[in-house]
Amino acid sequence: MNWLAIVKALAPIVLAHLPHAETLAPLAPTILHGIETAEQLAAASGPAKRAHVLELVATVAAATNTARGKTVIDSVVAVEAAGTAIDTVVSV
């Protein structure tokens, strides 16, 4: 089993048990996609890959809020929670 398959298996479980899980739940597919695409950035450092995922989360949160015409996802909380989620999943 490769590292990405392990992340895909563990991430939903880890995300469900982190602070702000309710904020992360709708963003779980975005976080997983971000991790997957970040892993394809062969020359990127770990922090650069993490930043890639967090930028994607912020963009999706902003787009969701724009589409709804109101704040439904606090982008600051979402990015902070996603960062915690990434750090937790990577440390497993």
N, C-alpha and C. Protein backbone atom coordinates (compact mmCIF):
# COMPACT_ATOMS: atom_id res chain seq x y z
N MET A 1 0.86 -1.18 0.00
CA MET A 1 0.00 0.00 0.00
C MET A 1 0.90 1.23 0.00
N ASN A 2 0.64 2.16 -0.90
CA ASN A 2 1.46 3.36 -0.95
C ASN A 2 0.98 4.41 0.05
N TRP A 3 1.79 5.43 0.23
CA TRP A 3 1.51 6.47 1.23
C TRP A 3 0.18 7.16 0.96
N LEU A 4 -0.12 7.47 -0.28
CA LEU A 4 -1.35 8.17 -0.62
C LEU A 4 -2.58 7.31 -0.32
N ALA A 5 -2.49 6.03 -0.54
CA ALA A 5 -3.61 5.14 -0.22
C ALA A 5 -3.85 5.11 1.29
N ILE A 6 -2.77 5.15 2.05
CA ILE A 6 -2.90 5.19 3.51
C ILE A 6 -3.56 6.50 3.94
N VAL A 7 -3.14 7.60 3.35
CA VAL A 7 -3.73 8.91 3.66
C VAL A 7 -5.22 8.89 3.35
N LYS A 8 -5.60 8.37 2.19
CA LYS A 8 -7.01 8.33 1.81
C LYS A 8 -7.82 7.47 2.78
N ALA A 9 -7.21 6.43 3.29
CA ALA A 9 -7.91 5.56 4.24
C ALA A 9 -8.03 6.20 5.62
N LEU A 10 -6.97 6.85 6.07
CA LEU A 10 -6.96 7.42 7.42
C LEU A 10 -7.57 8.81 7.53
N ALA A 11 -7.48 9.60 6.49
CA ALA A 11 -7.90 11.00 6.57
C ALA A 11 -9.33 11.19 7.07
N PRO A 12 -10.31 10.48 6.54
CA PRO A 12 -11.68 10.72 7.03
C PRO A 12 -11.83 10.42 8.53
N ILE A 13 -11.13 9.41 9.01
CA ILE A 13 -11.19 9.07 10.43
C ILE A 13 -10.52 10.15 11.26
N VAL A 14 -9.36 10.58 10.82
CA VAL A 14 -8.63 11.63 11.54
C VAL A 14 -9.42 12.93 11.52
N LEU A 15 -9.94 13.31 10.36
CA LEU A 15 -10.68 14.57 10.24
C LEU A 15 -11.89 14.60 11.16
N ALA A 16 -12.54 13.47 11.32
CA ALA A 16 -13.75 13.41 12.15
C ALA A 16 -13.46 13.63 13.62
N HIS A 17 -12.21 13.45 14.04
CA HIS A 17 -11.86 13.55 15.45
C HIS A 17 -11.05 14.79 15.80
N LEU A 18 -10.90 15.68 14.87
CA LEU A 18 -10.14 16.90 15.12
C LEU A 18 -11.06 18.03 15.55
N PRO A 19 -10.49 19.03 16.24
CA PRO A 19 -11.31 20.22 16.53
C PRO A 19 -11.84 20.80 15.22
N HIS A 20 -13.01 21.34 15.27
CA HIS A 20 -13.68 21.94 14.11
C HIS A 20 -14.02 20.89 13.05
N ALA A 21 -14.29 19.67 13.50
CA ALA A 21 -14.64 18.60 12.55
C ALA A 21 -15.83 19.00 11.69
N GLU A 22 -16.77 19.77 12.27
CA GLU A 22 -17.94 20.18 11.49
C GLU A 22 -17.55 21.12 10.34
N THR A 23 -16.48 21.87 10.51
CA THR A 23 -15.99 22.74 9.44
C THR A 23 -15.26 21.91 8.39
N LEU A 24 -14.53 20.90 8.85
CA LEU A 24 -13.73 20.08 7.95
C LEU A 24 -14.56 19.10 7.13
N ALA A 25 -15.67 18.65 7.67
CA ALA A 25 -16.44 17.60 7.00
C ALA A 25 -16.74 17.91 5.53
N PRO A 26 -17.30 19.07 5.22
CA PRO A 26 -17.58 19.33 3.80
C PRO A 26 -16.31 19.57 2.97
N LEU A 27 -15.20 19.82 3.64
CA LEU A 27 -13.95 20.09 2.94
C LEU A 27 -13.05 18.86 2.82
N ALA A 28 -13.46 17.75 3.40
CA ALA A 28 -12.63 16.53 3.37
C ALA A 28 -12.22 16.13 1.96
N PRO A 29 -13.15 16.11 0.99
CA PRO A 29 -12.73 15.76 -0.37
C PRO A 29 -11.71 16.76 -0.93
N THR A 30 -11.88 18.04 -0.59
CA THR A 30 -10.95 19.07 -1.06
C THR A 30 -9.57 18.84 -0.45
N ILE A 31 -9.53 18.54 0.84
CA ILE A 31 -8.26 18.29 1.51
C ILE A 31 -7.57 17.08 0.91
N LEU A 32 -8.32 16.01 0.71
CA LEU A 32 -7.73 14.80 0.11
C LEU A 32 -7.24 15.06 -1.31
N HIS A 33 -8.03 15.79 -2.09
CA HIS A 33 -7.60 16.13 -3.46
C HIS A 33 -6.34 17.00 -3.41
N GLY A 34 -6.32 17.95 -2.48
CA GLY A 34 -5.15 18.82 -2.34
C GLY A 34 -3.90 18.04 -1.99
N ILE A 35 -4.04 17.08 -1.08
CA ILE A 35 -2.89 16.23 -0.72
C ILE A 35 -2.43 15.43 -1.94
N GLU A 36 -3.39 14.88 -2.66
CA GLU A 36 -3.05 14.09 -3.85
C GLU A 36 -2.33 14.93 -4.89
N THR A 37 -2.84 16.13 -5.17
CA THR A 37 -2.18 16.97 -6.17
C THR A 37 -0.84 17.50 -5.66
N ALA A 38 -0.76 17.77 -4.37
CA ALA A 38 0.51 18.24 -3.79
C ALA A 38 1.59 17.17 -3.91
N GLU A 39 1.21 15.93 -3.76
CA GLU A 39 2.18 14.85 -3.88
C GLU A 39 2.74 14.73 -5.29
N GLN A 40 2.05 15.27 -6.25
CA GLN A 40 2.52 15.25 -7.64
C GLN A 40 3.51 16.37 -7.93
N LEU A 41 3.68 17.28 -6.97
CA LEU A 41 4.65 18.37 -7.10
C LEU A 41 6.01 17.85 -6.64
N ALA A 42 6.66 17.09 -7.49
CA ALA A 42 7.86 16.35 -7.12
C ALA A 42 8.96 17.22 -6.51
N ALA A 43 9.16 18.40 -7.02
CA ALA A 43 10.26 19.24 -6.54
C ALA A 43 9.87 20.08 -5.32
N ALA A 44 8.61 20.04 -4.94
CA ALA A 44 8.14 20.88 -3.83
C ALA A 44 8.54 20.29 -2.48
N SER A 45 8.85 21.18 -1.55
CA SER A 45 9.15 20.75 -0.19
C SER A 45 7.86 20.40 0.54
N GLY A 46 7.99 19.78 1.70
CA GLY A 46 6.82 19.48 2.52
C GLY A 46 6.01 20.72 2.84
N PRO A 47 6.66 21.80 3.32
CA PRO A 47 5.91 23.02 3.61
C PRO A 47 5.22 23.61 2.37
N ALA A 48 5.84 23.49 1.21
CA ALA A 48 5.22 23.99 -0.03
C ALA A 48 4.00 23.16 -0.39
N LYS A 49 4.08 21.86 -0.18
CA LYS A 49 2.94 20.99 -0.44
C LYS A 49 1.80 21.31 0.52
N ARG A 50 2.14 21.53 1.78
CA ARG A 50 1.13 21.88 2.79
C ARG A 50 0.46 23.20 2.40
N ALA A 51 1.25 24.17 1.99
CA ALA A 51 0.72 25.47 1.57
C ALA A 51 -0.22 25.32 0.37
N HIS A 52 0.12 24.42 -0.54
CA HIS A 52 -0.73 24.15 -1.71
C HIS A 52 -2.11 23.69 -1.26
N VAL A 53 -2.15 22.76 -0.32
CA VAL A 53 -3.42 22.24 0.17
C VAL A 53 -4.21 23.33 0.87
N LEU A 54 -3.53 24.11 1.71
CA LEU A 54 -4.23 25.16 2.46
C LEU A 54 -4.78 26.24 1.53
N GLU A 55 -4.04 26.54 0.47
CA GLU A 55 -4.53 27.52 -0.51
C GLU A 55 -5.79 27.00 -1.20
N LEU A 56 -5.80 25.71 -1.50
CA LEU A 56 -6.97 25.10 -2.13
C LEU A 56 -8.17 25.14 -1.18
N VAL A 57 -7.95 24.85 0.09
CA VAL A 57 -9.02 24.90 1.08
C VAL A 57 -9.58 26.32 1.20
N ALA A 58 -8.70 27.30 1.25
CA ALA A 58 -9.15 28.70 1.35
C ALA A 58 -9.96 29.09 0.12
N THR A 59 -9.52 28.66 -1.05
CA THR A 59 -10.23 28.98 -2.29
C THR A 59 -11.61 28.35 -2.32
N VAL A 60 -11.70 27.09 -1.92
CA VAL A 60 -12.99 26.40 -1.92
C VAL A 60 -13.93 27.01 -0.88
N ALA A 61 -13.40 27.37 0.29
CA ALA A 61 -14.23 28.01 1.31
C ALA A 61 -14.77 29.34 0.79
N ALA A 62 -13.91 30.13 0.17
CA ALA A 62 -14.34 31.43 -0.38
C ALA A 62 -15.37 31.24 -1.49
N ALA A 63 -15.15 30.27 -2.35
CA ALA A 63 -16.09 30.02 -3.45
C ALA A 63 -17.44 29.55 -2.92
N THR A 64 -17.41 28.72 -1.90
CA THR A 64 -18.66 28.26 -1.28
C THR A 64 -19.43 29.43 -0.69
N ASN A 65 -18.71 30.29 0.02
CA ASN A 65 -19.36 31.46 0.62
C ASN A 65 -19.93 32.40 -0.45
N THR A 66 -19.19 32.58 -1.53
CA THR A 66 -19.66 33.44 -2.63
C THR A 66 -20.90 32.83 -3.27
N ALA A 67 -20.87 31.54 -3.50
CA ALA A 67 -22.01 30.88 -4.14
C ALA A 67 -23.26 30.95 -3.26
N ARG A 68 -23.09 30.86 -1.98
CA ARG A 68 -24.22 30.91 -1.05
C ARG A 68 -24.67 32.34 -0.74
N GLY A 69 -23.82 33.31 -1.03
CA GLY A 69 -24.15 34.69 -0.74
C GLY A 69 -24.04 35.05 0.72
N LYS A 70 -23.39 34.20 1.48
CA LYS A 70 -23.17 34.44 2.91
C LYS A 70 -22.04 33.54 3.39
N THR A 71 -21.54 33.81 4.56
CA THR A 71 -20.46 32.99 5.11
C THR A 71 -21.05 31.72 5.70
N VAL A 72 -20.75 30.61 5.06
CA VAL A 72 -21.17 29.31 5.59
C VAL A 72 -19.96 28.51 6.07
N ILE A 73 -18.79 28.87 5.57
CA ILE A 73 -17.54 28.25 6.01
C ILE A 73 -16.59 29.37 6.39
N ASP A 74 -16.20 29.40 7.64
CA ASP A 74 -15.22 30.39 8.10
C ASP A 74 -13.87 29.97 7.53
N SER A 75 -13.38 30.71 6.56
CA SER A 75 -12.16 30.30 5.86
C SER A 75 -10.94 30.27 6.77
N VAL A 76 -10.88 31.16 7.75
CA VAL A 76 -9.75 31.16 8.68
C VAL A 76 -9.77 29.88 9.50
N VAL A 77 -10.93 29.52 10.03
CA VAL A 77 -11.06 28.29 10.81
C VAL A 77 -10.80 27.08 9.92
N ALA A 78 -11.31 27.11 8.69
CA ALA A 78 -11.13 25.98 7.78
C ALA A 78 -9.66 25.74 7.47
N VAL A 79 -8.93 26.82 7.19
CA VAL A 79 -7.50 26.68 6.87
C VAL A 79 -6.72 26.20 8.10
N GLU A 80 -7.03 26.75 9.26
CA GLU A 80 -6.35 26.32 10.48
C GLU A 80 -6.65 24.85 10.77
N ALA A 81 -7.91 24.46 10.64
CA ALA A 81 -8.28 23.07 10.89
C ALA A 81 -7.66 22.14 9.87
N ALA A 82 -7.64 22.56 8.59
CA ALA A 82 -7.01 21.73 7.56
C ALA A 82 -5.53 21.57 7.82
N GLY A 83 -4.87 22.62 8.27
CA GLY A 83 -3.45 22.52 8.61
C GLY A 83 -3.22 21.52 9.72
N THR A 84 -4.07 21.54 10.73
CA THR A 84 -3.99 20.57 11.82
C THR A 84 -4.23 19.17 11.30
N ALA A 85 -5.22 19.04 10.41
CA ALA A 85 -5.53 17.74 9.84
C ALA A 85 -4.36 17.19 9.04
N ILE A 86 -3.76 18.03 8.22
CA ILE A 86 -2.61 17.60 7.42
C ILE A 86 -1.46 17.17 8.33
N ASP A 87 -1.16 17.98 9.32
CA ASP A 87 -0.07 17.65 10.24
C ASP A 87 -0.34 16.33 10.95
N THR A 88 -1.60 16.11 11.34
CA THR A 88 -1.96 14.87 12.04
C THR A 88 -1.85 13.67 11.13
N VAL A 89 -2.40 13.79 9.92
CA VAL A 89 -2.37 12.66 8.98
C VAL A 89 -0.92 12.33 8.59
N VAL A 90 -0.12 13.34 8.34
CA VAL A 90 1.27 13.11 7.94
C VAL A 90 2.08 12.48 9.07
N SER A 91 1.74 12.79 10.30
CA SER A 91 2.50 12.26 11.43
C SER A 91 2.14 10.81 11.76
N VAL A 92 1.03 10.31 11.21
CA VAL A 92 0.60 8.95 11.52
C VAL A 92 1.48 7.94 10.83
